[in-house]
Structure formats: C-alpha cells, structure tokens
C-alpha cells in the first residue's frame, strides 16, 4: 500500500522506519524554497536507519518495500489536526513522481 501525498501547513514531521524498509518520497511545494518542485526519495529502514525531518509545505508519500511488514514511526512537532493538512492521491498528476517500483 502507498500512503500519501500529505502536506502539513504548520507541523514538522520526523519519520523513521523501525521495522522493515520503506521508500519515503518528498515533493517540495514551498514557494520560497530553493528546492521548489524537486523530488527526493529515500529507502530507509533497518539497513539504513535514519530520521527524515520534513518541514511544513513539503508533500510526503511512502510505501513498504521489504518482504516483511514495515513500521513507519512519525514523531510530529504538533498534535494531529486535520485542518492543517491537505492530501492528494498517491497517483496524482500534480506531483511528478511515478510509483512504478
């Protein structure tokens, strides 16, 4: 299954994969950003254990890519508020990324 795209307006999220492996994909939609409209993709998990810090205004999507279940942990800077988040379908044409792999 693929989760996302989600973008927060105020919250910074911190993702780590504590079990299995996941592909985390980011799309920068911030108008003031030097990385505006760029895609970044990471395979993270037990073999590449890192924390990915995602600031407000950046779309996030991810999917498990290991043969076992994956567990993605999010340590957010604010309590969940559906009013400060917007979502897009993982296969939207608004973001130039194809989930083919």
N, C-alpha and C. Protein backbone atom coordinates (compact mmCIF):
# COMPACT_ATOMS: atom_id res chain seq x y z
N UNK A 1 0.84 -1.19 0.00
CA UNK A 1 0.00 0.00 0.00
C UNK A 1 0.88 1.24 0.00
N UNK A 2 0.37 2.29 -0.60
CA UNK A 2 1.08 3.57 -0.66
C UNK A 2 0.32 4.58 0.18
N UNK A 3 1.02 5.30 1.05
CA UNK A 3 0.43 6.33 1.89
C UNK A 3 0.83 7.68 1.33
N UNK A 4 -0.12 8.57 1.26
CA UNK A 4 0.21 9.94 0.83
C UNK A 4 -0.42 10.25 -0.50
N UNK A 5 -0.22 11.37 -0.93
CA UNK A 5 0.61 12.51 -0.55
C UNK A 5 -0.08 13.32 0.55
N UNK A 6 0.70 13.73 1.56
CA UNK A 6 0.21 14.60 2.62
C UNK A 6 1.17 15.77 2.76
N UNK A 7 0.57 16.95 3.04
CA UNK A 7 1.36 18.17 3.26
C UNK A 7 0.79 18.90 4.47
N UNK A 8 1.65 19.25 5.40
CA UNK A 8 1.23 19.98 6.59
C UNK A 8 1.59 21.45 6.45
N UNK A 9 0.74 22.32 6.98
CA UNK A 9 0.99 23.76 6.89
C UNK A 9 1.78 24.31 8.08
N UNK A 10 1.72 23.61 9.24
CA UNK A 10 2.41 24.09 10.44
C UNK A 10 3.34 23.05 11.05
N UNK A 11 2.98 21.79 10.91
CA UNK A 11 3.67 20.71 11.60
C UNK A 11 4.93 20.26 10.86
N UNK A 12 6.00 20.03 11.62
CA UNK A 12 7.17 19.33 11.11
C UNK A 12 7.02 17.88 11.51
N UNK A 13 7.25 16.97 10.56
CA UNK A 13 7.18 15.55 10.90
C UNK A 13 8.58 14.94 10.80
N UNK A 14 8.79 13.92 11.60
CA UNK A 14 10.06 13.21 11.66
C UNK A 14 9.76 11.73 11.47
N UNK A 15 10.16 11.17 10.35
CA UNK A 15 9.86 9.78 10.03
C UNK A 15 11.08 8.90 10.22
N UNK A 16 10.83 7.70 10.76
CA UNK A 16 11.85 6.66 10.86
C UNK A 16 11.15 5.34 10.61
N UNK A 17 11.84 4.41 9.99
CA UNK A 17 11.31 3.07 9.77
C UNK A 17 12.03 2.15 10.73
N UNK A 18 11.30 1.68 11.75
CA UNK A 18 11.92 0.90 12.83
C UNK A 18 11.84 -0.60 12.58
N UNK A 19 11.07 -1.00 11.57
CA UNK A 19 10.98 -2.42 11.20
C UNK A 19 10.74 -2.50 9.70
N UNK A 20 11.47 -3.37 9.02
CA UNK A 20 11.32 -3.50 7.58
C UNK A 20 12.05 -2.40 6.84
N UNK A 21 11.50 -2.01 5.70
CA UNK A 21 12.12 -1.00 4.84
C UNK A 21 11.01 -0.28 4.10
N UNK A 22 11.16 1.04 3.92
CA UNK A 22 10.16 1.83 3.20
C UNK A 22 10.85 2.84 2.30
N UNK A 23 10.17 3.16 1.21
CA UNK A 23 10.61 4.25 0.33
C UNK A 23 9.82 5.49 0.75
N UNK A 24 10.54 6.53 1.15
CA UNK A 24 9.95 7.81 1.53
C UNK A 24 10.22 8.77 0.38
N UNK A 25 9.17 9.41 -0.14
CA UNK A 25 9.33 10.35 -1.26
C UNK A 25 8.80 11.71 -0.83
N UNK A 26 9.58 12.75 -1.11
CA UNK A 26 9.21 14.12 -0.75
C UNK A 26 9.10 14.96 -2.02
N UNK A 27 8.13 15.88 -2.00
CA UNK A 27 7.97 16.85 -3.09
C UNK A 27 7.84 18.23 -2.45
N UNK A 28 8.76 19.11 -2.77
CA UNK A 28 8.80 20.44 -2.15
C UNK A 28 7.88 21.40 -2.89
N UNK A 29 6.81 21.83 -2.23
CA UNK A 29 5.86 22.76 -2.84
C UNK A 29 5.97 24.17 -2.25
N UNK A 30 7.00 24.40 -1.45
CA UNK A 30 7.15 25.72 -0.81
C UNK A 30 7.64 26.75 -1.84
N UNK A 31 6.89 27.84 -1.96
CA UNK A 31 7.23 28.86 -2.97
C UNK A 31 8.58 29.50 -2.74
N UNK A 32 8.98 29.67 -1.48
CA UNK A 32 10.23 30.36 -1.17
C UNK A 32 11.44 29.43 -1.16
N UNK A 33 11.24 28.15 -1.37
CA UNK A 33 12.31 27.16 -1.25
C UNK A 33 13.21 27.12 -2.49
N UNK A 34 14.51 26.97 -2.26
CA UNK A 34 15.44 26.77 -3.36
C UNK A 34 15.25 25.40 -4.01
N UNK A 35 14.62 24.48 -3.29
CA UNK A 35 14.36 23.13 -3.82
C UNK A 35 12.92 23.00 -4.35
N UNK A 36 12.26 24.12 -4.60
CA UNK A 36 10.86 24.09 -5.06
C UNK A 36 10.69 23.17 -6.26
N UNK A 37 9.66 22.34 -6.20
CA UNK A 37 9.27 21.38 -7.24
C UNK A 37 10.27 20.25 -7.43
N UNK A 38 11.19 20.06 -6.49
CA UNK A 38 12.13 18.94 -6.58
C UNK A 38 11.58 17.73 -5.83
N UNK A 39 11.97 16.55 -6.32
CA UNK A 39 11.62 15.26 -5.70
C UNK A 39 12.86 14.73 -4.99
N UNK A 40 12.66 14.19 -3.79
CA UNK A 40 13.72 13.48 -3.07
C UNK A 40 13.14 12.14 -2.64
N UNK A 41 13.88 11.06 -2.84
CA UNK A 41 13.41 9.72 -2.46
C UNK A 41 14.49 9.03 -1.65
N UNK A 42 14.07 8.33 -0.59
CA UNK A 42 14.98 7.63 0.32
C UNK A 42 14.44 6.23 0.59
N UNK A 43 15.31 5.25 0.58
CA UNK A 43 14.97 3.92 1.09
C UNK A 43 15.56 3.86 2.49
N UNK A 44 14.69 3.77 3.50
CA UNK A 44 15.18 3.75 4.86
C UNK A 44 14.59 2.56 5.61
N UNK A 45 15.28 2.16 6.65
CA UNK A 45 14.82 1.03 7.45
C UNK A 45 15.98 0.45 8.24
N UNK A 46 15.86 -0.84 8.53
CA UNK A 46 16.84 -1.50 9.39
C UNK A 46 18.26 -1.44 8.83
N UNK A 47 18.43 -1.48 7.51
CA UNK A 47 19.76 -1.42 6.90
C UNK A 47 20.25 0.01 6.70
N UNK A 48 19.37 0.97 6.76
CA UNK A 48 19.70 2.39 6.60
C UNK A 48 18.82 3.16 7.58
N UNK A 49 19.17 3.03 8.85
CA UNK A 49 18.33 3.59 9.91
C UNK A 49 18.64 5.07 10.09
N UNK A 50 17.72 5.92 9.63
CA UNK A 50 17.87 7.37 9.73
C UNK A 50 16.52 7.98 10.09
N UNK A 51 16.58 9.22 10.48
CA UNK A 51 15.36 10.02 10.69
C UNK A 51 15.27 11.02 9.55
N UNK A 52 14.10 11.12 8.93
CA UNK A 52 13.87 12.09 7.86
C UNK A 52 13.00 13.20 8.43
N UNK A 53 13.54 14.39 8.51
CA UNK A 53 12.83 15.56 9.04
C UNK A 53 12.18 16.31 7.88
N UNK A 54 10.86 16.46 7.95
CA UNK A 54 10.11 17.06 6.84
C UNK A 54 9.41 18.32 7.33
N UNK A 55 9.82 19.49 6.81
CA UNK A 55 9.23 20.74 7.26
C UNK A 55 7.84 20.97 6.67
N UNK A 56 7.10 21.91 7.24
CA UNK A 56 5.79 22.27 6.67
C UNK A 56 5.93 22.68 5.20
N UNK A 57 4.92 22.33 4.41
CA UNK A 57 4.90 22.72 2.99
C UNK A 57 5.48 21.70 2.05
N UNK A 58 6.01 20.60 2.57
CA UNK A 58 6.60 19.55 1.74
C UNK A 58 5.66 18.34 1.74
N UNK A 59 5.27 17.89 0.55
CA UNK A 59 4.43 16.70 0.43
C UNK A 59 5.25 15.46 0.72
N UNK A 60 4.62 14.50 1.40
CA UNK A 60 5.25 13.24 1.77
C UNK A 60 4.39 12.08 1.32
N UNK A 61 5.04 11.05 0.79
CA UNK A 61 4.37 9.81 0.44
C UNK A 61 5.34 8.67 0.74
N UNK A 62 4.81 7.50 1.08
CA UNK A 62 5.71 6.37 1.32
C UNK A 62 5.00 5.05 1.12
N UNK A 63 5.83 4.01 0.92
CA UNK A 63 5.30 2.64 0.84
C UNK A 63 6.36 1.67 1.35
N UNK A 64 5.89 0.55 1.89
CA UNK A 64 6.78 -0.51 2.33
C UNK A 64 7.39 -1.19 1.13
N UNK A 65 8.70 -1.48 1.20
CA UNK A 65 9.39 -2.12 0.07
C UNK A 65 10.20 -3.34 0.51
N UNK A 66 9.88 -3.91 1.66
CA UNK A 66 10.58 -5.11 2.09
C UNK A 66 9.63 -6.30 2.01
N UNK A 67 10.19 -7.49 2.11
CA UNK A 67 9.37 -8.70 2.04
C UNK A 67 8.54 -8.90 3.30
N UNK A 68 8.90 -8.21 4.38
CA UNK A 68 8.15 -8.29 5.62
C UNK A 68 7.37 -6.99 5.84
N UNK A 69 6.52 -6.97 6.85
CA UNK A 69 5.81 -5.74 7.17
C UNK A 69 6.80 -4.66 7.56
N UNK A 70 6.44 -3.41 7.29
CA UNK A 70 7.27 -2.27 7.67
C UNK A 70 6.50 -1.42 8.67
N UNK A 71 7.23 -0.82 9.60
CA UNK A 71 6.62 0.05 10.60
C UNK A 71 7.28 1.42 10.49
N UNK A 72 6.48 2.41 10.06
CA UNK A 72 6.95 3.79 9.92
C UNK A 72 6.47 4.56 11.13
N UNK A 73 7.40 5.21 11.82
CA UNK A 73 7.09 5.98 13.02
C UNK A 73 7.20 7.46 12.69
N UNK A 74 6.21 8.25 13.14
CA UNK A 74 6.21 9.68 12.94
C UNK A 74 6.22 10.38 14.29
N UNK A 75 7.27 11.13 14.55
CA UNK A 75 7.34 11.97 15.75
C UNK A 75 7.08 13.41 15.30
N UNK A 76 5.86 13.85 15.46
CA UNK A 76 5.43 15.15 14.96
C UNK A 76 5.65 16.24 16.02
N UNK A 77 5.78 17.48 15.56
CA UNK A 77 6.00 18.60 16.47
C UNK A 77 4.72 19.17 17.04
N UNK A 78 3.56 18.78 16.49
CA UNK A 78 2.25 19.26 16.96
C UNK A 78 1.28 18.10 17.02
N UNK A 79 0.25 18.20 17.85
CA UNK A 79 -0.80 17.17 17.83
C UNK A 79 -1.49 17.16 16.46
N UNK A 80 -2.00 16.00 16.06
CA UNK A 80 -2.66 15.88 14.77
C UNK A 80 -3.85 16.83 14.68
N UNK A 81 -3.94 17.56 13.58
CA UNK A 81 -5.05 18.48 13.31
C UNK A 81 -5.38 18.37 11.83
N UNK A 82 -6.49 17.72 11.47
CA UNK A 82 -6.81 17.54 10.05
C UNK A 82 -7.01 18.86 9.30
N UNK A 83 -7.21 19.96 10.01
CA UNK A 83 -7.40 21.26 9.36
C UNK A 83 -6.08 21.84 8.83
N UNK A 84 -4.94 21.36 9.32
CA UNK A 84 -3.68 21.93 8.86
C UNK A 84 -2.94 21.00 7.89
N UNK A 85 -3.65 20.03 7.36
CA UNK A 85 -3.05 19.06 6.44
C UNK A 85 -3.93 18.93 5.20
N UNK A 86 -3.29 18.84 4.05
CA UNK A 86 -4.05 18.51 2.86
C UNK A 86 -3.44 17.27 2.22
N UNK A 87 -4.28 16.53 1.51
CA UNK A 87 -3.87 15.24 0.95
C UNK A 87 -4.18 15.17 -0.53
N UNK A 88 -3.35 14.41 -1.25
CA UNK A 88 -3.55 14.11 -2.66
C UNK A 88 -3.44 12.61 -2.86
N UNK A 89 -4.07 12.11 -3.90
CA UNK A 89 -3.97 10.70 -4.27
C UNK A 89 -2.51 10.36 -4.58
N UNK A 90 -2.03 9.18 -4.19
CA UNK A 90 -0.63 8.82 -4.49
C UNK A 90 -0.28 8.85 -5.98
N UNK A 91 -1.28 8.74 -6.85
CA UNK A 91 -1.02 8.71 -8.29
C UNK A 91 -1.44 10.00 -9.00
N UNK A 92 -1.55 11.09 -8.24
CA UNK A 92 -1.94 12.36 -8.83
C UNK A 92 -0.93 12.82 -9.89
N UNK A 93 -1.42 13.52 -10.88
CA UNK A 93 -0.53 14.10 -11.89
C UNK A 93 0.03 15.44 -11.43
N UNK A 94 -0.41 15.94 -10.29
CA UNK A 94 0.08 17.23 -9.76
C UNK A 94 1.50 17.12 -9.20
N UNK A 95 1.94 15.91 -8.91
CA UNK A 95 3.30 15.69 -8.40
C UNK A 95 4.02 14.78 -9.39
N UNK A 96 5.18 15.20 -9.89
CA UNK A 96 5.87 14.45 -10.95
C UNK A 96 6.66 13.25 -10.42
N UNK A 97 5.95 12.31 -9.82
CA UNK A 97 6.59 11.08 -9.34
C UNK A 97 5.70 9.91 -9.70
N UNK A 98 6.29 8.85 -10.21
CA UNK A 98 5.55 7.64 -10.59
C UNK A 98 5.92 6.51 -9.65
N UNK A 99 4.92 5.93 -9.00
CA UNK A 99 5.13 4.77 -8.13
C UNK A 99 5.14 3.50 -8.99
N UNK A 100 6.22 3.27 -9.73
CA UNK A 100 6.32 2.11 -10.61
C UNK A 100 7.08 0.96 -9.98
N UNK A 101 7.95 1.26 -9.03
CA UNK A 101 8.83 0.22 -8.49
C UNK A 101 8.23 -0.53 -7.33
